[in-house]
N, C-alpha and C. Protein backbone atom coordinates (compact mmCIF):
# COMPACT_ATOMS: atom_id res chain seq x y z
N MET A 1 9.39 11.88 6.05
CA MET A 1 8.77 12.50 4.89
C MET A 1 7.45 11.79 4.62
N GLU A 2 6.37 12.50 4.66
CA GLU A 2 5.02 11.94 4.47
C GLU A 2 4.62 12.08 3.02
N MET A 3 4.42 10.96 2.35
CA MET A 3 3.95 11.00 0.96
C MET A 3 2.45 10.79 0.97
N SER A 4 1.82 11.30 -0.07
CA SER A 4 0.38 11.08 -0.16
C SER A 4 0.11 9.62 -0.48
N GLY A 5 -1.11 9.18 -0.24
CA GLY A 5 -1.48 7.79 -0.52
C GLY A 5 -1.26 7.44 -1.98
N TYR A 6 -1.56 8.39 -2.88
CA TYR A 6 -1.39 8.12 -4.31
C TYR A 6 0.07 7.89 -4.65
N GLN A 7 0.97 8.71 -4.09
CA GLN A 7 2.39 8.55 -4.35
C GLN A 7 2.90 7.23 -3.78
N ASP A 8 2.42 6.85 -2.59
CA ASP A 8 2.81 5.58 -2.00
C ASP A 8 2.40 4.42 -2.89
N ILE A 9 1.17 4.46 -3.38
CA ILE A 9 0.68 3.37 -4.23
C ILE A 9 1.44 3.34 -5.54
N SER A 10 1.74 4.50 -6.11
CA SER A 10 2.50 4.56 -7.36
C SER A 10 3.89 3.98 -7.16
N ALA A 11 4.55 4.33 -6.06
CA ALA A 11 5.88 3.79 -5.77
C ALA A 11 5.80 2.29 -5.54
N LEU A 12 4.74 1.85 -4.88
CA LEU A 12 4.54 0.42 -4.65
C LEU A 12 4.39 -0.33 -5.96
N GLU A 13 3.59 0.22 -6.89
CA GLU A 13 3.40 -0.42 -8.19
C GLU A 13 4.72 -0.50 -8.96
N LYS A 14 5.52 0.56 -8.91
CA LYS A 14 6.82 0.55 -9.60
C LYS A 14 7.75 -0.50 -9.01
N SER A 15 7.78 -0.60 -7.68
CA SER A 15 8.63 -1.59 -7.03
C SER A 15 8.20 -3.01 -7.37
N VAL A 16 6.89 -3.23 -7.41
CA VAL A 16 6.38 -4.56 -7.76
C VAL A 16 6.76 -4.90 -9.20
N ALA A 17 6.61 -3.94 -10.11
CA ALA A 17 6.97 -4.16 -11.51
C ALA A 17 8.46 -4.45 -11.64
N ASN A 18 9.28 -3.71 -10.91
CA ASN A 18 10.72 -3.92 -10.96
C ASN A 18 11.08 -5.29 -10.40
N ALA A 19 10.47 -5.68 -9.29
CA ALA A 19 10.72 -6.99 -8.70
C ALA A 19 10.30 -8.09 -9.67
N GLY A 20 9.16 -7.91 -10.34
CA GLY A 20 8.71 -8.89 -11.32
C GLY A 20 9.67 -9.02 -12.48
N SER A 21 10.19 -7.91 -12.94
CA SER A 21 11.16 -7.90 -14.04
C SER A 21 12.44 -8.62 -13.61
N GLN A 22 12.90 -8.34 -12.40
CA GLN A 22 14.11 -9.01 -11.91
C GLN A 22 13.88 -10.50 -11.74
N LEU A 23 12.71 -10.87 -11.29
CA LEU A 23 12.40 -12.29 -11.13
C LEU A 23 12.42 -12.99 -12.48
N TYR A 24 11.86 -12.35 -13.50
CA TYR A 24 11.87 -12.92 -14.85
C TYR A 24 13.31 -13.07 -15.34
N THR A 25 14.13 -12.04 -15.17
CA THR A 25 15.53 -12.09 -15.60
C THR A 25 16.28 -13.20 -14.88
N MET A 26 16.05 -13.31 -13.58
CA MET A 26 16.72 -14.34 -12.79
C MET A 26 16.30 -15.73 -13.26
N ALA A 27 15.03 -15.93 -13.52
CA ALA A 27 14.54 -17.23 -14.00
C ALA A 27 15.16 -17.56 -15.36
N HIS A 28 15.26 -16.56 -16.22
CA HIS A 28 15.86 -16.76 -17.55
C HIS A 28 17.33 -17.18 -17.42
N LYS A 29 18.07 -16.50 -16.55
CA LYS A 29 19.48 -16.83 -16.36
C LYS A 29 19.65 -18.22 -15.75
N LEU A 30 18.81 -18.55 -14.78
CA LEU A 30 18.88 -19.89 -14.19
C LEU A 30 18.60 -20.96 -15.24
N HIS A 31 17.62 -20.70 -16.09
CA HIS A 31 17.29 -21.64 -17.15
C HIS A 31 18.48 -21.81 -18.10
N ALA A 32 19.15 -20.71 -18.44
CA ALA A 32 20.32 -20.77 -19.32
C ALA A 32 21.43 -21.58 -18.67
N VAL A 33 21.65 -21.40 -17.38
CA VAL A 33 22.68 -22.16 -16.67
C VAL A 33 22.31 -23.64 -16.66
N GLU A 34 21.05 -23.95 -16.40
CA GLU A 34 20.62 -25.35 -16.39
C GLU A 34 20.81 -26.00 -17.76
N ARG A 35 20.46 -25.27 -18.83
CA ARG A 35 20.68 -25.80 -20.19
C ARG A 35 22.15 -26.06 -20.43
N SER A 36 22.99 -25.14 -19.98
CA SER A 36 24.43 -25.28 -20.17
C SER A 36 24.94 -26.52 -19.43
N LEU A 37 24.44 -26.74 -18.23
CA LEU A 37 24.86 -27.91 -17.46
C LEU A 37 24.35 -29.20 -18.10
N ASP A 38 23.13 -29.16 -18.62
CA ASP A 38 22.57 -30.35 -19.26
C ASP A 38 23.35 -30.72 -20.51
N GLN A 39 23.79 -29.71 -21.25
CA GLN A 39 24.46 -29.97 -22.53
C GLN A 39 25.90 -30.42 -22.36
N THR A 40 26.51 -30.06 -21.27
CA THR A 40 27.94 -30.35 -21.10
C THR A 40 28.17 -30.97 -19.74
N ALA A 41 28.81 -32.10 -19.73
CA ALA A 41 29.18 -32.72 -18.46
C ALA A 41 30.29 -31.88 -17.84
N MET A 42 30.32 -31.82 -16.52
CA MET A 42 31.30 -30.99 -15.82
C MET A 42 32.73 -31.37 -16.21
N GLU A 43 32.98 -32.65 -16.44
CA GLU A 43 34.35 -33.08 -16.77
C GLU A 43 34.78 -32.53 -18.12
N GLN A 44 33.82 -32.32 -19.00
CA GLN A 44 34.15 -31.88 -20.36
C GLN A 44 34.27 -30.36 -20.46
N MET A 45 33.95 -29.66 -19.43
CA MET A 45 33.98 -28.21 -19.50
C MET A 45 35.42 -27.71 -19.39
N ASP A 46 35.76 -26.77 -20.24
CA ASP A 46 37.09 -26.18 -20.12
C ASP A 46 37.03 -25.04 -19.10
N GLU A 47 38.18 -24.48 -18.81
CA GLU A 47 38.27 -23.45 -17.78
C GLU A 47 37.41 -22.23 -18.12
N MET A 48 37.36 -21.88 -19.40
CA MET A 48 36.58 -20.71 -19.82
C MET A 48 35.09 -20.94 -19.56
N GLU A 49 34.60 -22.12 -19.86
CA GLU A 49 33.19 -22.43 -19.63
C GLU A 49 32.87 -22.41 -18.14
N VAL A 50 33.79 -22.90 -17.33
CA VAL A 50 33.59 -22.88 -15.88
C VAL A 50 33.52 -21.44 -15.39
N MET A 51 34.40 -20.59 -15.91
CA MET A 51 34.39 -19.18 -15.51
C MET A 51 33.08 -18.51 -15.94
N GLU A 52 32.61 -18.82 -17.14
CA GLU A 52 31.34 -18.26 -17.61
C GLU A 52 30.18 -18.73 -16.72
N LEU A 53 30.24 -20.01 -16.37
CA LEU A 53 29.21 -20.56 -15.50
C LEU A 53 29.22 -19.87 -14.13
N LEU A 54 30.42 -19.70 -13.57
CA LEU A 54 30.54 -19.02 -12.28
C LEU A 54 30.04 -17.57 -12.37
N GLU A 55 30.36 -16.92 -13.48
CA GLU A 55 29.90 -15.55 -13.69
C GLU A 55 28.38 -15.50 -13.76
N SER A 56 27.81 -16.46 -14.49
CA SER A 56 26.34 -16.52 -14.58
C SER A 56 25.72 -16.77 -13.21
N MET A 57 26.33 -17.65 -12.45
CA MET A 57 25.81 -17.95 -11.11
C MET A 57 25.91 -16.71 -10.21
N THR A 58 27.00 -15.96 -10.34
CA THR A 58 27.16 -14.73 -9.57
C THR A 58 26.10 -13.72 -9.95
N GLU A 59 25.82 -13.61 -11.25
CA GLU A 59 24.77 -12.69 -11.72
C GLU A 59 23.41 -13.10 -11.15
N VAL A 60 23.14 -14.40 -11.17
CA VAL A 60 21.87 -14.90 -10.63
C VAL A 60 21.77 -14.57 -9.14
N LYS A 61 22.88 -14.79 -8.43
CA LYS A 61 22.90 -14.49 -6.99
C LYS A 61 22.65 -13.00 -6.75
N ASN A 62 23.30 -12.15 -7.54
CA ASN A 62 23.11 -10.70 -7.40
C ASN A 62 21.67 -10.30 -7.72
N GLU A 63 21.11 -10.90 -8.77
CA GLU A 63 19.72 -10.60 -9.13
C GLU A 63 18.78 -11.04 -8.00
N TYR A 64 19.08 -12.18 -7.40
CA TYR A 64 18.27 -12.66 -6.28
C TYR A 64 18.34 -11.69 -5.11
N GLN A 65 19.54 -11.22 -4.80
CA GLN A 65 19.70 -10.26 -3.70
C GLN A 65 18.95 -8.96 -4.00
N ASN A 66 19.04 -8.50 -5.25
CA ASN A 66 18.30 -7.30 -5.65
C ASN A 66 16.80 -7.52 -5.52
N LEU A 67 16.36 -8.71 -5.92
CA LEU A 67 14.94 -9.04 -5.83
C LEU A 67 14.48 -9.02 -4.36
N ARG A 68 15.27 -9.62 -3.49
CA ARG A 68 14.93 -9.61 -2.06
C ARG A 68 14.83 -8.19 -1.53
N LYS A 69 15.78 -7.35 -1.96
CA LYS A 69 15.77 -5.95 -1.53
C LYS A 69 14.49 -5.26 -2.02
N ASP A 70 14.14 -5.50 -3.30
CA ASP A 70 12.92 -4.90 -3.85
C ASP A 70 11.68 -5.41 -3.12
N ILE A 71 11.65 -6.68 -2.80
CA ILE A 71 10.51 -7.25 -2.07
C ILE A 71 10.39 -6.60 -0.70
N GLN A 72 11.53 -6.39 -0.03
CA GLN A 72 11.50 -5.73 1.27
C GLN A 72 11.00 -4.29 1.14
N GLU A 73 11.41 -3.61 0.06
CA GLU A 73 10.93 -2.24 -0.18
C GLU A 73 9.42 -2.24 -0.43
N VAL A 74 8.95 -3.22 -1.20
CA VAL A 74 7.51 -3.33 -1.48
C VAL A 74 6.76 -3.56 -0.17
N GLN A 75 7.29 -4.45 0.67
CA GLN A 75 6.63 -4.71 1.95
C GLN A 75 6.58 -3.46 2.82
N GLN A 76 7.68 -2.69 2.82
CA GLN A 76 7.70 -1.45 3.60
C GLN A 76 6.69 -0.46 3.04
N LEU A 77 6.63 -0.36 1.71
CA LEU A 77 5.65 0.54 1.10
C LEU A 77 4.23 0.11 1.42
N GLN A 78 3.99 -1.21 1.45
CA GLN A 78 2.66 -1.71 1.82
C GLN A 78 2.32 -1.30 3.24
N ARG A 79 3.30 -1.42 4.14
CA ARG A 79 3.06 -1.00 5.53
C ARG A 79 2.79 0.51 5.59
N ASP A 80 3.57 1.29 4.82
CA ASP A 80 3.38 2.74 4.80
C ASP A 80 1.99 3.11 4.28
N VAL A 81 1.58 2.45 3.19
CA VAL A 81 0.26 2.72 2.62
C VAL A 81 -0.83 2.35 3.63
N SER A 82 -0.67 1.21 4.27
CA SER A 82 -1.65 0.75 5.25
C SER A 82 -1.75 1.75 6.41
N THR A 83 -0.61 2.20 6.90
CA THR A 83 -0.59 3.18 7.99
C THR A 83 -1.25 4.48 7.56
N SER A 84 -0.94 4.92 6.35
CA SER A 84 -1.51 6.16 5.83
C SER A 84 -3.03 6.05 5.70
N ILE A 85 -3.50 4.93 5.18
CA ILE A 85 -4.94 4.72 5.02
C ILE A 85 -5.62 4.68 6.38
N ARG A 86 -4.99 3.99 7.35
CA ARG A 86 -5.56 3.92 8.70
C ARG A 86 -5.67 5.32 9.31
N TYR A 87 -4.61 6.11 9.15
CA TYR A 87 -4.60 7.48 9.69
C TYR A 87 -5.71 8.31 9.03
N GLN A 88 -5.81 8.21 7.71
CA GLN A 88 -6.83 8.98 6.99
C GLN A 88 -8.24 8.56 7.41
N MET A 89 -8.42 7.26 7.62
CA MET A 89 -9.73 6.77 8.03
C MET A 89 -10.08 7.28 9.43
N THR A 90 -9.12 7.25 10.34
CA THR A 90 -9.35 7.76 11.69
C THR A 90 -9.68 9.25 11.64
N SER A 91 -8.94 9.98 10.83
CA SER A 91 -9.18 11.41 10.68
C SER A 91 -10.58 11.68 10.13
N MET A 92 -10.99 10.89 9.14
CA MET A 92 -12.33 11.04 8.57
C MET A 92 -13.40 10.72 9.60
N GLN A 93 -13.18 9.68 10.41
CA GLN A 93 -14.16 9.33 11.45
C GLN A 93 -14.29 10.45 12.47
N GLN A 94 -13.16 11.04 12.86
CA GLN A 94 -13.20 12.14 13.82
C GLN A 94 -13.93 13.34 13.23
N THR A 95 -13.64 13.64 11.97
CA THR A 95 -14.32 14.75 11.29
C THR A 95 -15.81 14.48 11.21
N PHE A 96 -16.19 13.26 10.88
CA PHE A 96 -17.60 12.89 10.80
C PHE A 96 -18.29 13.08 12.15
N GLN A 97 -17.65 12.62 13.23
CA GLN A 97 -18.24 12.76 14.56
C GLN A 97 -18.40 14.23 14.94
N MET A 98 -17.38 15.05 14.60
CA MET A 98 -17.44 16.48 14.90
C MET A 98 -18.59 17.13 14.14
N LEU A 99 -18.72 16.81 12.85
CA LEU A 99 -19.80 17.37 12.04
C LEU A 99 -21.17 16.92 12.55
N LYS A 100 -21.25 15.67 12.95
CA LYS A 100 -22.50 15.14 13.48
C LYS A 100 -22.92 15.91 14.74
N LYS A 101 -21.94 16.19 15.62
CA LYS A 101 -22.23 16.96 16.83
C LYS A 101 -22.65 18.38 16.48
N ARG A 102 -21.98 18.99 15.51
CA ARG A 102 -22.34 20.35 15.10
C ARG A 102 -23.77 20.40 14.57
N ILE A 103 -24.11 19.42 13.75
CA ILE A 103 -25.47 19.37 13.18
C ILE A 103 -26.49 19.23 14.30
N ALA A 104 -26.22 18.33 15.25
CA ALA A 104 -27.15 18.12 16.36
C ALA A 104 -27.29 19.40 17.19
N THR A 105 -26.17 20.07 17.45
CA THR A 105 -26.20 21.32 18.22
C THR A 105 -26.98 22.39 17.47
N THR A 106 -26.74 22.51 16.18
CA THR A 106 -27.44 23.50 15.35
C THR A 106 -28.94 23.22 15.34
N GLN A 107 -29.32 21.97 15.21
CA GLN A 107 -30.74 21.61 15.21
C GLN A 107 -31.39 21.94 16.55
N GLN A 108 -30.67 21.70 17.65
CA GLN A 108 -31.22 22.02 18.97
C GLN A 108 -31.41 23.53 19.12
N ARG A 109 -30.42 24.31 18.66
CA ARG A 109 -30.53 25.77 18.74
C ARG A 109 -31.73 26.27 17.94
N ARG A 110 -31.88 25.74 16.74
CA ARG A 110 -33.00 26.17 15.89
C ARG A 110 -34.35 25.84 16.53
N ARG A 111 -34.45 24.65 17.09
CA ARG A 111 -35.69 24.27 17.78
C ARG A 111 -35.96 25.20 18.95
N HIS A 112 -34.91 25.49 19.70
CA HIS A 112 -35.03 26.38 20.85
C HIS A 112 -35.45 27.78 20.41
N GLN A 113 -34.81 28.30 19.34
CA GLN A 113 -35.15 29.63 18.82
C GLN A 113 -36.59 29.65 18.30
N ARG A 114 -36.98 28.60 17.59
CA ARG A 114 -38.34 28.51 17.06
C ARG A 114 -39.34 28.49 18.21
N ASP A 115 -39.04 27.72 19.23
CA ASP A 115 -39.93 27.64 20.39
C ASP A 115 -40.06 28.99 21.08
N GLN A 116 -38.94 29.74 21.16
CA GLN A 116 -38.99 31.06 21.80
C GLN A 116 -39.79 32.04 20.96
N LEU A 117 -39.66 31.97 19.63
CA LEU A 117 -40.40 32.88 18.75
C LEU A 117 -41.90 32.62 18.81
N GLN A 118 -42.28 31.39 18.95
CA GLN A 118 -43.70 31.05 19.00
C GLN A 118 -44.31 31.46 20.33
N GLY A 119 -43.51 31.61 21.31
CA GLY A 119 -44.01 32.03 22.62
C GLY A 119 -44.68 30.87 23.32
N PRO A 120 -45.08 31.13 24.55
CA PRO A 120 -45.72 30.04 25.29
C PRO A 120 -47.10 29.75 24.71
N THR A 121 -47.37 28.56 24.55
CA THR A 121 -48.69 28.16 24.06
C THR A 121 -49.51 27.74 25.27
N THR A 122 -50.62 28.41 25.40
CA THR A 122 -51.49 28.07 26.53
C THR A 122 -52.71 27.38 25.99
N VAL A 123 -53.14 26.45 26.69
CA VAL A 123 -54.34 25.71 26.31
C VAL A 123 -55.49 26.32 27.11
N ALA A 124 -56.46 26.83 26.41
CA ALA A 124 -57.62 27.44 27.08
C ALA A 124 -58.47 26.34 27.66
N ALA A 125 -58.87 26.59 28.89
CA ALA A 125 -59.71 25.59 29.54
C ALA A 125 -61.14 25.81 29.08
N HIS A 126 -61.78 24.78 28.69
CA HIS A 126 -63.18 24.86 28.25
C HIS A 126 -64.07 24.50 29.42
N PRO A 127 -64.95 25.43 29.81
CA PRO A 127 -65.87 25.08 30.91
C PRO A 127 -66.94 24.11 30.40
N HIS A 128 -67.36 23.28 31.23
CA HIS A 128 -68.40 22.30 30.88
C HIS A 128 -69.71 22.75 31.29
């Protein structure tokens, strides 16, 4: 499925924004876990706190995996956009060359037609 360059860039921007949001969420959760560990020694933690900590760590891990997936999607979109731009540029160059040849051919025809309409020009010899 070929998307236009604008759609590719729009999807790329959305993926980058989503990855940034997930990165922020992951950093916030990691910070909360670090605060929890700083405030409570592991020996003093009850089973419920350990379970909450494990749950938080699982969430952070899942967010990290989602972030990696989003980053991979962004990279693929970047490759797609780059390929699309390269294709469009090649197409434009080919079109430019074709138009350049047409212009040159048209100019040659016009010169040839003009020369034919003017007829042969003879230079009169001047006797001395």
